[in-house]
Protein backbone atom coordinates (compact mmCIF):
# COMPACT_ATOMS: atom_id res chain seq x y z
CA UNK A 1 -3.32 22.75 -9.78
CA UNK A 2 -5.02 25.83 -8.13
CA UNK A 3 -7.56 23.56 -6.07
CA UNK A 4 -5.01 21.00 -4.71
CA UNK A 5 -4.98 21.20 -0.98
CA UNK A 6 -3.12 19.23 1.85
CA UNK A 7 -5.42 17.92 4.99
CA UNK A 8 -4.40 19.34 7.88
CA UNK A 9 -2.64 17.28 10.66
CA UNK A 10 -5.27 16.58 13.55
CA UNK A 11 -2.22 15.16 16.02
CA UNK A 12 1.20 14.02 15.60
CA UNK A 13 1.71 11.32 18.10
CA UNK A 14 4.49 9.45 19.19
CA UNK A 15 7.52 8.82 21.20
CA UNK A 16 10.00 11.19 22.72
CA UNK A 17 12.29 10.14 19.81
CA UNK A 18 10.21 12.15 17.58
CA UNK A 19 10.73 15.44 18.95
CA UNK A 20 13.23 18.37 19.43
CA UNK A 21 16.89 17.91 19.66
CA UNK A 22 16.77 14.13 20.90
CA UNK A 23 15.34 13.16 17.35
CA UNK A 24 18.30 15.02 15.51
CA UNK A 25 20.75 12.80 17.86
CA UNK A 26 19.13 9.56 17.26
CA UNK A 27 19.02 10.14 13.25
CA UNK A 28 22.72 10.93 13.42
CA UNK A 29 23.39 8.00 15.51
CA UNK A 30 21.37 5.73 13.13
CA UNK A 31 23.06 6.95 9.73
CA UNK A 32 26.27 7.00 11.27
CA UNK A 33 26.03 3.78 12.46
CA UNK A 34 24.51 2.24 9.15
CA UNK A 35 27.47 4.23 6.92
CA UNK A 36 30.67 3.65 9.17
CA UNK A 37 29.80 0.51 10.95
CA UNK A 38 27.26 -1.64 9.02
CA UNK A 39 28.35 -0.84 5.53
CA UNK A 40 31.42 -2.02 5.83
CA UNK A 41 30.76 -5.01 8.39
CA UNK A 42 27.65 -6.37 5.95
CA UNK A 43 29.92 -5.80 2.50
CA UNK A 44 32.59 -8.12 4.29
CA UNK A 45 30.16 -10.53 5.70
CA UNK A 46 28.13 -11.00 2.77
CA UNK A 47 31.11 -11.47 0.54
CA UNK A 48 30.80 -15.25 1.90
CA UNK A 49 27.86 -16.77 0.01
CA UNK A 50 27.18 -19.20 3.28
CA UNK A 51 26.77 -15.67 5.38
CA UNK A 52 23.84 -14.35 3.20
CA UNK A 53 20.65 -14.11 4.81
CA UNK A 54 19.12 -16.24 1.78
CA UNK A 55 20.64 -19.15 -0.30
CA UNK A 56 20.58 -17.84 -3.84
CA UNK A 57 20.70 -14.22 -2.83
CA UNK A 58 23.49 -12.24 -4.76
CA UNK A 59 26.26 -10.09 -2.59
CA UNK A 60 24.71 -6.74 -3.73
CA UNK A 61 21.10 -8.01 -2.84
CA UNK A 62 22.20 -9.26 0.53
CA UNK A 63 23.68 -5.75 1.12
CA UNK A 64 21.16 -3.64 -0.21
CA UNK A 65 18.37 -5.62 1.96
CA UNK A 66 20.94 -5.45 5.06
CA UNK A 67 21.32 -1.78 4.84
CA UNK A 68 17.58 -1.07 4.37
CA UNK A 69 16.99 -2.89 7.47
CA UNK A 70 19.57 -1.46 9.58
CA UNK A 71 17.90 2.23 8.60
CA UNK A 72 14.23 1.07 9.20
CA UNK A 73 14.66 1.97 12.92
CA UNK A 74 14.82 5.63 11.59
CA UNK A 75 11.19 5.51 11.56
CA UNK A 76 10.78 5.56 15.00
CA UNK A 77 11.72 8.96 15.09
CA UNK A 78 9.38 10.19 12.28
CA UNK A 79 5.65 10.50 13.35
CA UNK A 80 4.28 11.67 10.07
CA UNK A 81 4.81 10.74 6.01
CA UNK A 82 7.48 11.76 3.84
CA UNK A 83 4.79 12.69 1.13
CA UNK A 84 5.34 15.90 -0.76
CA UNK A 85 3.37 18.90 0.47
CA UNK A 86 1.11 19.85 -1.97
CA UNK A 87 1.77 23.77 -1.94
CA UNK A 88 4.54 22.72 -4.42
CA UNK A 89 2.95 20.40 -6.46
CA UNK A 90 2.73 22.89 -9.46
CA UNK A 91 6.35 22.95 -9.50
CA UNK A 92 6.72 19.38 -10.09
CA UNK A 93 7.58 17.97 -13.59
CA UNK A 94 7.97 14.32 -14.22
CA UNK A 95 5.82 11.75 -15.32
CA UNK A 96 2.97 12.22 -13.10
CA UNK A 97 0.24 14.99 -12.86
CA UNK A 98 -1.05 15.81 -9.46
CA UNK A 99 -5.01 16.63 -9.34
CA UNK A 100 -7.59 17.20 -6.83
CA UNK A 101 -10.07 14.88 -5.44
CA UNK A 102 -12.75 16.36 -3.96
CA UNK A 103 -14.36 15.54 -0.58
CA UNK A 104 -17.30 13.13 -0.62
CA UNK A 105 -20.83 15.02 -1.05
CA UNK A 106 -22.52 12.78 1.45
CA UNK A 107 -20.97 10.93 4.51
CA UNK A 108 -20.25 7.27 4.31
CA UNK A 109 -22.94 4.89 5.27
CA UNK A 110 -23.13 1.55 6.93
CA UNK A 111 -20.22 0.60 9.37
CA UNK A 112 -17.62 3.02 7.92
CA UNK A 113 -20.47 5.52 8.47
CA UNK A 114 -20.91 4.71 11.98
CA UNK A 115 -17.15 4.84 12.71
CA UNK A 116 -16.62 8.07 11.02
CA UNK A 117 -19.49 9.64 12.94
CA UNK A 118 -18.47 8.48 16.42
CA UNK A 119 -14.72 9.32 15.69
CA UNK A 120 -15.81 13.00 13.92
CA UNK A 121 -13.68 12.46 10.93
CA UNK A 122 -15.16 14.11 8.01
CA UNK A 123 -14.31 13.88 4.09
CA UNK A 124 -11.90 16.18 2.81
CA UNK A 125 -10.24 17.11 -0.45
CA UNK A 126 -7.25 15.16 -1.01
CA UNK A 127 -4.96 15.05 -4.39
CA UNK A 128 -3.90 11.95 -6.44
CA UNK A 129 -1.16 11.47 -9.19
CA UNK A 130 -2.09 10.40 -12.60
CA UNK A 131 0.54 8.22 -14.44
CA UNK A 132 0.66 6.67 -17.84
CA UNK A 133 -0.69 7.46 -21.54
CA UNK A 134 -2.04 11.18 -22.01
CA UNK A 135 -1.69 11.84 -17.96
CA UNK A 136 -2.33 15.58 -18.69
CA UNK A 137 -5.32 17.37 -19.58
CA UNK A 138 -9.06 17.06 -18.45
CA UNK A 139 -8.95 13.21 -17.47
CA UNK A 140 -11.77 12.17 -18.91
CA UNK A 141 -12.17 8.28 -19.94
CA UNK A 142 -12.45 7.77 -23.32
CA UNK A 143 -14.95 5.38 -24.89
CA UNK A 144 -14.33 2.09 -23.07
CA UNK A 145 -11.08 3.11 -21.41
CA UNK A 146 -9.66 1.17 -18.89
CA UNK A 147 -7.84 2.21 -15.47
CA UNK A 148 -5.77 1.37 -12.29
CA UNK A 149 -6.46 3.20 -9.09
CA UNK A 150 -3.59 2.62 -6.76
CA UNK A 151 -2.90 3.01 -3.33
CA UNK A 152 0.70 2.90 -1.83
CA UNK A 153 1.79 1.33 1.28
CA UNK A 154 3.78 2.54 4.21
CA UNK A 155 1.71 1.14 7.35
CA UNK A 156 -0.81 4.35 6.90
CA UNK A 157 1.99 6.52 8.41
CA UNK A 158 4.50 7.02 5.51
CA UNK A 159 5.32 7.03 2.00
CA UNK A 160 3.20 8.72 -1.01
CA UNK A 161 1.99 8.90 -4.44
CA UNK A 162 4.47 11.19 -5.86
CA UNK A 163 6.61 10.26 -8.42
CA UNK A 164 9.83 10.58 -6.30
CA UNK A 165 8.55 8.08 -3.89
CA UNK A 166 10.24 4.76 -4.28
CA UNK A 167 6.42 2.85 -4.15
CA UNK A 168 5.58 4.87 -7.35
CA UNK A 169 7.53 2.42 -9.15
CA UNK A 170 5.35 -0.26 -8.50
CA UNK A 171 2.59 1.49 -10.98
CA UNK A 172 4.99 2.54 -13.47
CA UNK A 173 6.79 -0.75 -13.95
CA UNK A 174 3.43 -1.69 -14.66
CA UNK A 175 2.57 0.81 -17.08
CA UNK A 176 5.93 0.33 -19.06
CA UNK A 177 5.21 -3.70 -19.27
CA UNK A 178 1.77 -2.74 -20.62
CA UNK A 179 2.87 -0.38 -23.33
CA UNK A 180 1.99 -1.46 -26.28
CA UNK A 181 -0.53 -4.21 -25.15
CA UNK A 182 -4.61 -3.70 -26.35
CA UNK A 183 -7.47 -4.02 -24.12
CA UNK A 184 -5.78 -3.63 -20.78
CA UNK A 185 -5.40 -0.06 -18.46
CA UNK A 186 -2.72 2.20 -19.71
CA UNK A 187 -3.20 4.69 -16.75
CA UNK A 188 -2.90 4.45 -13.10
CA UNK A 189 -4.56 7.42 -10.54
CA UNK A 190 -2.43 6.95 -7.63
CA UNK A 191 -4.19 8.35 -4.29
CA UNK A 192 -2.72 10.62 -1.53
CA UNK A 193 -4.75 9.31 0.98
CA UNK A 194 -4.75 10.75 4.76
CA UNK A 195 -2.21 9.07 6.82
CA UNK A 196 -2.79 7.64 10.43
CA UNK A 197 -1.13 11.09 12.14
CA UNK A 198 -3.84 13.14 10.20
CA UNK A 199 -6.96 11.57 10.80
CA UNK A 200 -8.57 8.33 12.52
CA UNK A 201 -10.18 5.52 11.26
CA UNK A 202 -12.09 5.24 8.60
CA UNK A 203 -10.72 8.47 7.13
CA UNK A 204 -8.52 6.49 5.06
CA UNK A 205 -11.51 4.74 3.80
CA UNK A 206 -13.23 8.08 3.07
CA UNK A 207 -10.48 9.07 0.67
CA UNK A 208 -10.20 5.83 -1.40
CA UNK A 209 -14.16 6.08 -1.66
CA UNK A 210 -13.86 9.91 -2.73
CA UNK A 211 -11.15 8.71 -5.42
CA UNK A 212 -13.53 5.71 -6.60
CA UNK A 213 -16.52 8.70 -6.69
CA UNK A 214 -13.90 10.74 -8.89
CA UNK A 215 -13.12 8.30 -11.45
CA UNK A 216 -16.95 7.40 -11.95
CA UNK A 217 -18.76 10.60 -11.56
CA UNK A 218 -16.14 13.15 -12.48
CA UNK A 219 -14.10 10.99 -15.14
CA UNK A 220 -16.60 8.88 -16.32
CA UNK A 221 -14.99 5.57 -15.93
CA UNK A 222 -17.64 2.54 -15.91
CA UNK A 223 -16.74 0.30 -12.86
CA UNK A 224 -16.39 -2.57 -14.96
CA UNK A 225 -13.26 -0.84 -16.54
CA UNK A 226 -11.57 0.01 -13.19
CA UNK A 227 -9.16 -2.11 -11.36
CA UNK A 228 -8.21 -1.38 -7.95
CA UNK A 229 -4.58 -2.10 -6.68
CA UNK A 230 -2.43 -1.49 -3.74
CA UNK A 231 0.52 -2.56 -2.21
CA UNK A 232 1.00 -3.66 1.52
CA UNK A 233 -1.30 -0.86 3.70
CA UNK A 234 -2.62 -0.22 0.32
CA UNK A 235 -3.58 -3.78 -0.28
CA UNK A 236 -5.43 -3.48 3.03
CA UNK A 237 -7.39 -0.19 1.85
CA UNK A 238 -7.87 -1.77 -1.71
CA UNK A 239 -10.14 -4.53 0.20
CA UNK A 240 -11.35 -2.37 2.56
CA UNK A 241 -12.74 -0.38 -0.50
CA UNK A 242 -13.85 -3.13 -2.13
CA UNK A 243 -15.56 -4.29 0.66
CA UNK A 244 -17.44 -0.89 0.97
CA UNK A 245 -18.69 -0.86 -2.53
CA UNK A 246 -19.98 -4.57 -2.26
CA UNK A 247 -21.94 -4.07 0.94
CA UNK A 248 -22.96 0.00 0.67
CA UNK A 249 -23.10 0.01 -3.45
CA UNK A 250 -22.59 3.56 -3.63
CA UNK A 251 -22.61 5.77 -7.06
CA UNK A 252 -24.92 3.33 -9.00
CA UNK A 253 -23.98 0.24 -6.99
CA UNK A 254 -21.24 -1.65 -9.32
CA UNK A 255 -17.95 -2.57 -8.11
CA UNK A 256 -14.47 -2.93 -9.97
CA UNK A 257 -13.60 -5.09 -12.46
CA UNK A 258 -10.82 -6.76 -10.38
CA UNK A 259 -8.27 -6.23 -7.62
CA UNK A 260 -4.49 -6.77 -7.56
CA UNK A 261 -2.85 -6.55 -4.44
CA UNK A 262 0.87 -6.71 -4.18
CA UNK A 263 2.47 -7.82 -0.32
CA UNK A 264 -0.93 -7.22 0.92
CA UNK A 265 -1.25 -6.29 4.95
CA UNK A 266 -4.36 -8.27 5.21
CA UNK A 267 -4.73 -8.07 9.42
CA UNK A 268 -3.86 -5.08 11.48
CA UNK A 269 -5.24 -6.89 14.54
CA UNK A 270 -1.59 -8.23 15.04
CA UNK A 271 -2.92 -12.29 14.87
CA UNK A 272 -0.17 -13.38 12.56
CA UNK A 273 2.51 -11.75 14.91
CA UNK A 274 1.37 -13.78 17.61
CA UNK A 275 1.24 -16.80 15.04
CA UNK A 276 4.56 -18.47 16.81
CA UNK A 277 7.57 -20.20 15.22
CA UNK A 278 5.97 -21.79 12.15
CA UNK A 279 4.59 -18.22 11.08
CA UNK A 280 6.21 -15.98 8.32
CA UNK A 281 6.53 -13.33 11.03
CA UNK A 282 8.86 -15.77 13.03
CA UNK A 283 10.40 -17.10 10.10
CA UNK A 284 11.53 -14.39 8.07
CA UNK A 285 12.02 -11.51 10.91
CA UNK A 286 15.98 -11.49 10.26
CA UNK A 287 15.39 -11.52 6.63
CA UNK A 288 12.76 -9.42 5.39
CA UNK A 289 13.38 -5.47 5.50
CA UNK A 290 10.09 -5.01 7.25
CA UNK A 291 10.35 -4.27 10.91
CA UNK A 292 7.62 -6.53 13.13
CA UNK A 293 7.91 -3.65 15.61
CA UNK A 294 7.20 -1.04 13.30
CA UNK A 295 4.27 -2.46 11.81
CA UNK A 296 2.80 -3.29 15.55
CA UNK A 297 3.38 0.73 16.03
CA UNK A 298 1.50 1.39 12.46
CA UNK A 299 -1.36 -0.54 13.31
CA UNK A 300 -1.74 0.90 16.96
CA UNK A 301 -1.51 4.36 15.28
CA UNK A 302 -3.91 3.52 12.41
CA UNK A 303 -6.65 1.72 14.92
CA UNK A 304 -6.09 3.51 18.04
CA UNK A 305 -9.87 4.69 18.10
CA UNK A 306 -11.21 1.38 18.13
CA UNK A 307 -12.55 -1.00 20.64
CA UNK A 308 -11.11 -4.25 21.07
CA UNK A 309 -13.74 -6.01 19.58
CA UNK A 310 -13.83 -4.03 16.46
CA UNK A 311 -10.05 -4.70 15.99
CA UNK A 312 -11.01 -8.09 14.77
CA UNK A 313 -13.53 -6.63 11.90
CA UNK A 314 -13.27 -7.69 8.37
CA UNK A 315 -12.82 -4.21 7.07
CA UNK A 316 -9.30 -3.91 8.40
CA UNK A 317 -8.52 -7.55 9.23
CA UNK A 318 -9.64 -9.50 6.16
CA UNK A 319 -8.14 -12.57 7.65
CA UNK A 320 -7.33 -12.93 11.35
CA UNK A 321 -6.28 -16.13 13.13
CA UNK A 322 -7.94 -15.55 16.49
CA UNK A 323 -11.21 -14.44 14.89
CA UNK A 324 -13.89 -17.44 15.67
CA UNK A 325 -16.54 -16.07 12.84
CA UNK A 326 -15.19 -17.17 9.40
CA UNK A 327 -13.75 -14.89 7.11
CA UNK A 328 -16.48 -12.91 4.77
CA UNK A 329 -14.76 -13.02 1.42
CA UNK A 330 -17.97 -13.70 -0.95
CA UNK A 331 -19.15 -11.35 -3.71
CA UNK A 332 -15.79 -9.75 -4.25
CA UNK A 333 -14.37 -9.05 -7.70
CA UNK A 334 -11.55 -11.68 -9.25
CA UNK A 335 -8.16 -10.68 -7.59
CA UNK A 336 -4.35 -11.13 -8.13
CA UNK A 337 -2.26 -11.74 -5.19
CA UNK A 338 1.38 -11.14 -5.33
CA UNK A 339 3.55 -11.83 -2.49
CA UNK A 340 7.56 -13.02 -1.82
CA UNK A 341 8.73 -16.04 0.16
CA UNK A 342 10.34 -14.15 2.39
CA UNK A 343 7.60 -11.45 3.18
CA UNK A 344 6.85 -10.99 6.49
CA UNK A 345 3.42 -10.86 5.71
CA UNK A 346 3.47 -13.95 3.41
CA UNK A 347 0.97 -15.92 5.42
CA UNK A 348 -1.69 -13.21 5.46
CA UNK A 349 -1.52 -13.18 1.63
CA UNK A 350 -1.41 -17.17 1.63
CA UNK A 351 -4.64 -17.44 3.91
CA UNK A 352 -6.30 -14.58 1.84
CA UNK A 353 -6.20 -16.83 -1.53
CA UNK A 354 -7.01 -19.82 0.52
CA UNK A 355 -10.18 -18.17 1.97
CA UNK A 356 -11.20 -16.07 -1.25
CA UNK A 357 -14.67 -17.26 -2.87
CA UNK A 358 -13.85 -15.27 -6.29
CA UNK A 359 -11.82 -16.40 -8.92
CA UNK A 360 -7.81 -15.60 -7.61
CA UNK A 361 -4.62 -15.96 -8.65
CA UNK A 362 -1.49 -16.31 -6.44
CA UNK A 363 1.94 -15.67 -7.82
CA UNK A 364 4.87 -15.69 -5.23
CA UNK A 365 8.58 -14.73 -5.84
CA UNK A 366 10.49 -17.34 -4.37
CA UNK A 367 13.50 -15.28 -3.32
CA UNK A 368 11.80 -11.98 -2.80
CA UNK A 369 11.00 -9.96 0.46
CA UNK A 370 8.11 -7.82 1.41
CA UNK A 371 7.15 -5.39 -1.66
CA UNK A 372 10.25 -6.24 -3.55
CA UNK A 373 8.92 -4.31 -6.45
CA UNK A 374 8.76 -1.16 -4.47
CA UNK A 375 12.92 -1.41 -4.05
CA UNK A 376 14.71 0.48 -7.05
CA UNK A 377 17.78 -1.60 -7.15
CA UNK A 378 18.74 -5.32 -6.61
CA UNK A 379 15.52 -6.97 -7.79
CA UNK A 380 15.22 -6.52 -11.47
CA UNK A 381 14.38 -9.89 -12.19
CA UNK A 382 11.57 -9.89 -9.90
CA UNK A 383 10.25 -6.52 -11.39
CA UNK A 384 10.44 -7.69 -14.46
CA UNK A 385 8.31 -11.12 -13.58
CA UNK A 386 5.84 -9.54 -11.67
CA UNK A 387 4.99 -6.94 -14.37
CA UNK A 388 4.50 -9.63 -16.96
CA UNK A 389 2.48 -11.53 -14.58
CA UNK A 390 0.07 -8.63 -13.93
CA UNK A 391 -0.04 -7.76 -17.77
CA UNK A 392 -0.99 -11.27 -18.61
CA UNK A 393 -3.83 -11.61 -15.49
CA UNK A 394 -5.37 -8.21 -16.91
CA UNK A 395 -5.42 -9.43 -20.36
CA UNK A 396 -6.99 -12.79 -19.13
CA UNK A 397 -9.35 -10.52 -16.95
CA UNK A 398 -10.95 -8.61 -19.95
CA UNK A 399 -10.70 -11.41 -22.44
């Protein structure tokens, strides 16, 4: 445990809402309004089925999503992640074990290497969490053992990989469903990658490549026994890592066995937000808990060091409605894409599936919004179905 460190924040940028007493006043108003005004109002409103956001949603689900949407504006007052400070990691128990991920021994190469050099971003030690069977010990892979490398979501600006974070429920629900099923992963390594307040792009990719190197070289996992997975922004990072492995072929040259993308954020260029009334941004903006303005702010913070031409790069916009050149999605591993019909990012996932040139399976929950598997309550049936589909897909992947 002694080697685990947190990266040093380089710059905490943001609006005047994020500093001093103004932030305290703003948050007091947000929470006060949510509890004293919005909660009773929505509880009464959604008691009438015709007034619920989606036909088929229960009163409790409508209320949960209404409150989450009301509280989403609190993020305007936070310039940084709610991750767990690495200094207290050894004191934490639970079903996860923290581990240090060493920095890369050599710089990135290719496009990512050029961007890192220009931005002055260097690889650093980060940490991750092991979940699943025998998550304690030396973490060396057993013969033919399989593993999932997971990247949490949060717009590259919030949330974390720790057990206390609701997003850790995604890999843990999978592990519960996989229990007793032979031939598929029973361990997950969830990476605590740097976020946009800590480094410029491509620092996140450096951390993802470091986690891949850790699994392959330090732990001894074979690339063909690794599945890379991520939700929302973590889905974006999943595809970025897969692209880097395809293009640069580091650490032996092999890529992952497969990819799993939960409600993936596939276009940081903002082209889908500008798609018009027929797009999922317009159709779902009053239903989904994902806030379009916050998503734009997260994208701007993530790619702030890039030129206008670079914004449509395949690395962070795998699909883009305004890019003239064809999407570059050949020679990728087989993929499972999971989404919701009422997800703000629904169309990005659907378009990825249409353009993906490797075998791809798409599953969409008809009554779900963005990242429903990260919401602890109200979506239990969806949780079970998504976990079941994931286990089935992995079983077939290694059949």
